[in-house]
């Protein structure tokens, strides 16, 4: 049994965006958040509400880091922040409008989707399904990061996704037409082994390492 514990590197927003999106110079990026009252985005009033931890991380970790050097390092433009009404459930239809930090009401389909190449939706409820549909229609790339917290930032979002892709490809090739494979794990100091039979299945198509296609991805 392999006892090594994964050590995650420090979170880097620019590394995350580079390895997931491979952005091109001049492309435009924007952030979407959901709020109980979208007007709270005006002058960043939502930061005064201690309960809006997801939205605070969106502002501090994504918005501010983009504005304070991230955009320049990646050659991106924009970095704008928009807020929409919380939908109340995962993958429900999004409202037709959002507000910017000046309190202006903007149409998603007229003012946001066509104007940006990359959209990051950092929200309470997942918006993967509606954003995937609009990404196919308008041609932007995107990621949905619902429920964002410090643990996710320190672990899943801190990795180099090109390295993850290389590791996944090794697993894919190794399991192609395999009879079975075993997973060793430990629960309450008990060492256990799970054996999964594969039936010599053919390999699945290779997964892309970057979100270069015109669809939204959940993270």
Protein backbone atom coordinates (compact mmCIF):
# COMPACT_ATOMS: atom_id res chain seq x y z
CA UNK A 1 0.00 0.00 0.00
CA UNK A 2 1.30 3.45 -0.93
CA UNK A 3 1.27 5.64 2.18
CA UNK A 4 2.41 8.95 0.68
CA UNK A 5 0.12 11.88 1.39
CA UNK A 6 -0.42 14.33 -1.44
CA UNK A 7 1.23 17.68 -0.79
CA UNK A 8 -0.57 20.41 -2.68
CA UNK A 9 1.26 23.47 -3.98
CA UNK A 10 0.10 26.92 -2.98
CA UNK A 11 -2.93 28.08 -4.92
CA UNK A 12 -2.11 30.18 -7.97
CA UNK A 13 -4.92 31.81 -9.90
CA UNK A 14 -2.78 32.45 -12.96
CA UNK A 15 -1.54 28.85 -13.04
CA UNK A 16 -5.11 27.60 -12.74
CA UNK A 17 -6.30 29.77 -15.61
CA UNK A 18 -3.28 28.92 -17.77
CA UNK A 19 -3.59 25.16 -17.37
CA UNK A 20 -7.38 25.01 -17.68
CA UNK A 21 -8.09 27.61 -20.35
CA UNK A 22 -4.78 28.33 -22.14
CA UNK A 23 -5.94 31.94 -22.58
CA UNK A 24 -4.80 33.93 -25.58
CA UNK A 25 -3.60 37.55 -25.32
CA UNK A 26 -6.46 39.98 -25.62
CA UNK A 27 -9.19 37.59 -24.57
CA UNK A 28 -11.74 38.93 -22.10
CA UNK A 29 -12.61 37.33 -18.77
CA UNK A 30 -15.43 38.02 -16.30
CA UNK A 31 -16.68 36.69 -12.96
CA UNK A 32 -20.25 35.84 -12.04
CA UNK A 33 -21.55 35.56 -8.47
CA UNK A 34 -25.04 35.01 -7.09
CA UNK A 35 -26.52 37.13 -4.30
CA UNK A 36 -29.81 37.21 -2.35
CA UNK A 37 -30.20 40.74 -3.72
CA UNK A 38 -28.05 41.47 -6.79
CA UNK A 39 -28.03 45.17 -5.87
CA UNK A 40 -25.62 44.20 -3.07
CA UNK A 41 -22.88 44.06 -5.71
CA UNK A 42 -23.03 47.85 -6.06
CA UNK A 43 -19.87 49.23 -4.48
CA UNK A 44 -19.24 45.65 -3.24
CA UNK A 45 -21.78 46.04 -0.43
CA UNK A 46 -22.02 42.23 -0.15
CA UNK A 47 -18.59 42.17 1.49
CA UNK A 48 -20.24 43.52 4.65
CA UNK A 49 -22.30 40.35 5.00
CA UNK A 50 -20.18 37.77 6.87
CA UNK A 51 -22.43 34.96 5.69
CA UNK A 52 -21.58 35.41 2.01
CA UNK A 53 -18.29 33.51 2.22
CA UNK A 54 -18.40 32.14 -1.33
CA UNK A 55 -18.89 35.57 -2.80
CA UNK A 56 -16.15 37.04 -0.60
CA UNK A 57 -13.68 34.45 -1.92
CA UNK A 58 -14.77 35.28 -5.46
CA UNK A 59 -13.93 38.91 -4.79
CA UNK A 60 -10.71 38.47 -2.79
CA UNK A 61 -9.13 35.48 -4.51
CA UNK A 62 -10.34 35.89 -8.09
CA UNK A 63 -11.44 39.47 -8.73
CA UNK A 64 -8.72 41.26 -6.78
CA UNK A 65 -5.93 38.97 -7.98
CA UNK A 66 -6.98 39.47 -11.57
CA UNK A 67 -7.01 43.24 -11.12
CA UNK A 68 -3.74 43.27 -9.14
CA UNK A 69 -1.50 41.72 -11.77
CA UNK A 70 -3.30 38.60 -12.94
CA UNK A 71 -4.79 40.17 -16.05
CA UNK A 72 -1.43 41.65 -17.06
CA UNK A 73 0.43 38.37 -16.48
CA UNK A 74 -2.04 36.43 -18.63
CA UNK A 75 -2.50 39.13 -21.25
CA UNK A 76 -6.23 39.16 -20.54
CA UNK A 77 -8.68 42.03 -20.47
CA UNK A 78 -11.79 42.72 -18.43
CA UNK A 79 -11.83 41.01 -15.07
CA UNK A 80 -15.31 42.44 -14.48
CA UNK A 81 -17.62 41.21 -11.72
CA UNK A 82 -21.37 40.69 -12.22
CA UNK A 83 -24.02 39.50 -9.78
CA UNK A 84 -27.35 37.78 -10.39
CA UNK A 85 -30.23 36.68 -8.19
CA UNK A 86 -29.63 33.35 -6.42
CA UNK A 87 -31.71 30.74 -8.26
CA UNK A 88 -32.46 28.67 -5.18
CA UNK A 89 -31.35 25.35 -6.65
CA UNK A 90 -28.62 23.74 -8.70
CA UNK A 91 -28.81 23.94 -12.49
CA UNK A 92 -31.99 25.99 -12.58
CA UNK A 93 -32.38 28.62 -15.28
CA UNK A 94 -30.42 31.80 -14.66
CA UNK A 95 -32.16 35.17 -14.56
CA UNK A 96 -32.07 37.17 -17.75
CA UNK A 97 -30.14 40.03 -16.16
CA UNK A 98 -27.20 40.71 -13.86
CA UNK A 99 -25.84 43.83 -12.19
CA UNK A 100 -22.33 45.26 -12.31
CA UNK A 101 -20.43 46.94 -9.47
CA UNK A 102 -21.95 50.29 -10.41
CA UNK A 103 -25.45 48.89 -10.02
CA UNK A 104 -26.23 48.88 -13.72
CA UNK A 105 -28.64 46.22 -14.98
CA UNK A 106 -27.18 44.22 -17.87
CA UNK A 107 -28.58 41.51 -20.09
CA UNK A 108 -26.73 38.20 -20.01
CA UNK A 109 -27.47 37.50 -23.66
CA UNK A 110 -26.78 40.99 -24.94
CA UNK A 111 -24.13 42.46 -22.64
CA UNK A 112 -22.22 39.57 -21.04
CA UNK A 113 -22.17 36.28 -22.97
CA UNK A 114 -21.17 37.82 -26.33
CA UNK A 115 -18.52 40.12 -24.83
CA UNK A 116 -16.36 37.63 -22.91
CA UNK A 117 -14.25 34.65 -23.90
CA UNK A 118 -13.96 33.17 -20.40
CA UNK A 119 -16.59 33.23 -17.65
CA UNK A 120 -16.02 31.98 -14.11
CA UNK A 121 -19.22 31.46 -12.12
CA UNK A 122 -18.51 31.34 -8.38
CA UNK A 123 -21.86 30.76 -6.78
CA UNK A 124 -23.99 29.23 -4.06
CA UNK A 125 -25.97 27.05 -6.45
CA UNK A 126 -24.46 25.27 -9.43
CA UNK A 127 -25.01 26.95 -12.80
CA UNK A 128 -23.30 24.27 -14.88
CA UNK A 129 -26.31 23.21 -16.95
CA UNK A 130 -27.54 26.66 -18.02
CA UNK A 131 -24.03 27.99 -18.64
CA UNK A 132 -23.13 24.94 -20.72
CA UNK A 133 -26.10 25.63 -22.96
CA UNK A 134 -25.21 29.30 -23.34
CA UNK A 135 -21.52 28.49 -23.88
CA UNK A 136 -22.42 26.33 -26.86
CA UNK A 137 -24.60 29.10 -28.21
CA UNK A 138 -22.28 32.08 -27.65
CA UNK A 139 -18.87 30.43 -27.87
CA UNK A 140 -17.30 31.31 -24.51
CA UNK A 141 -15.39 28.89 -22.27
CA UNK A 142 -16.31 28.68 -18.64
CA UNK A 143 -16.05 27.06 -15.26
CA UNK A 144 -18.61 26.79 -12.48
CA UNK A 145 -17.22 26.78 -8.95
CA UNK A 146 -20.29 26.52 -6.76
CA UNK A 147 -19.70 26.13 -3.04
CA UNK A 148 -16.15 27.48 -3.22
CA UNK A 149 -14.29 27.40 0.10
CA UNK A 150 -10.76 27.57 1.48
CA UNK A 151 -10.31 23.78 1.40
CA UNK A 152 -11.15 23.62 -2.30
CA UNK A 153 -8.70 26.44 -2.98
CA UNK A 154 -5.92 24.67 -1.06
CA UNK A 155 -6.50 21.29 -2.72
CA UNK A 156 -8.48 20.71 -5.90
CA UNK A 157 -7.89 24.15 -7.40
CA UNK A 158 -4.23 24.29 -6.37
CA UNK A 159 -3.04 21.45 -8.61
CA UNK A 160 -1.47 21.75 -12.04
CA UNK A 161 -4.18 20.41 -14.33
CA UNK A 162 -1.69 19.55 -17.06
CA UNK A 163 -0.03 17.23 -14.53
CA UNK A 164 -3.44 15.84 -13.58
CA UNK A 165 -4.19 15.19 -17.24
CA UNK A 166 -0.91 13.32 -17.73
CA UNK A 167 -1.66 11.15 -14.70
CA UNK A 168 -5.19 10.47 -15.90
CA UNK A 169 -3.87 9.45 -19.31
CA UNK A 170 -1.52 6.93 -17.69
CA UNK A 171 -4.46 5.44 -15.80
CA UNK A 172 -6.58 5.36 -18.95
CA UNK A 173 -3.91 3.52 -20.90
CA UNK A 174 -3.14 1.17 -18.02
CA UNK A 175 -6.78 0.17 -17.59
CA UNK A 176 -7.51 -0.32 -21.27
CA UNK A 177 -8.78 -3.89 -21.75
CA UNK A 178 -7.86 -4.72 -18.15
CA UNK A 179 -9.50 -7.68 -16.43
CA UNK A 180 -9.67 -5.83 -13.10
CA UNK A 181 -7.88 -3.41 -10.82
CA UNK A 182 -7.54 -2.94 -7.07
CA UNK A 183 -7.70 0.13 -4.85
CA UNK A 184 -6.03 0.00 -1.44
CA UNK A 185 -7.40 2.35 1.20
CA UNK A 186 -7.67 2.75 4.94
CA UNK A 187 -10.71 3.48 7.14
CA UNK A 188 -10.49 3.81 10.91
CA UNK A 189 -7.00 2.27 10.86
CA UNK A 190 -8.28 -0.75 8.90
CA UNK A 191 -6.48 -1.50 5.64
CA UNK A 192 -8.90 -2.54 2.94
CA UNK A 193 -8.76 -3.45 -0.74
CA UNK A 194 -11.49 -2.87 -3.30
CA UNK A 195 -11.33 -5.00 -6.45
CA UNK A 196 -13.22 -3.80 -9.52
CA UNK A 197 -13.77 -6.04 -12.53
CA UNK A 198 -13.52 -4.29 -15.89
CA UNK A 199 -14.39 -7.08 -18.31
CA UNK A 200 -11.56 -6.08 -20.64
CA UNK A 201 -13.42 -2.97 -21.77
CA UNK A 202 -11.96 -0.85 -24.51
CA UNK A 203 -10.40 2.44 -23.45
CA UNK A 204 -12.52 5.56 -23.21
CA UNK A 205 -11.74 8.57 -25.43
CA UNK A 206 -8.89 10.73 -24.21
CA UNK A 207 -10.13 13.59 -22.05
CA UNK A 208 -8.92 17.10 -22.91
CA UNK A 209 -6.53 18.69 -20.41
CA UNK A 210 -7.73 22.18 -21.18
CA UNK A 211 -11.10 23.80 -21.47
CA UNK A 212 -10.57 24.85 -25.05
CA UNK A 213 -13.98 23.71 -26.18
CA UNK A 214 -17.00 25.95 -26.05
CA UNK A 215 -18.61 24.44 -23.00
CA UNK A 216 -18.77 25.20 -19.33
CA UNK A 217 -16.95 22.97 -16.90
CA UNK A 218 -17.65 22.46 -13.25
CA UNK A 219 -14.77 22.44 -10.87
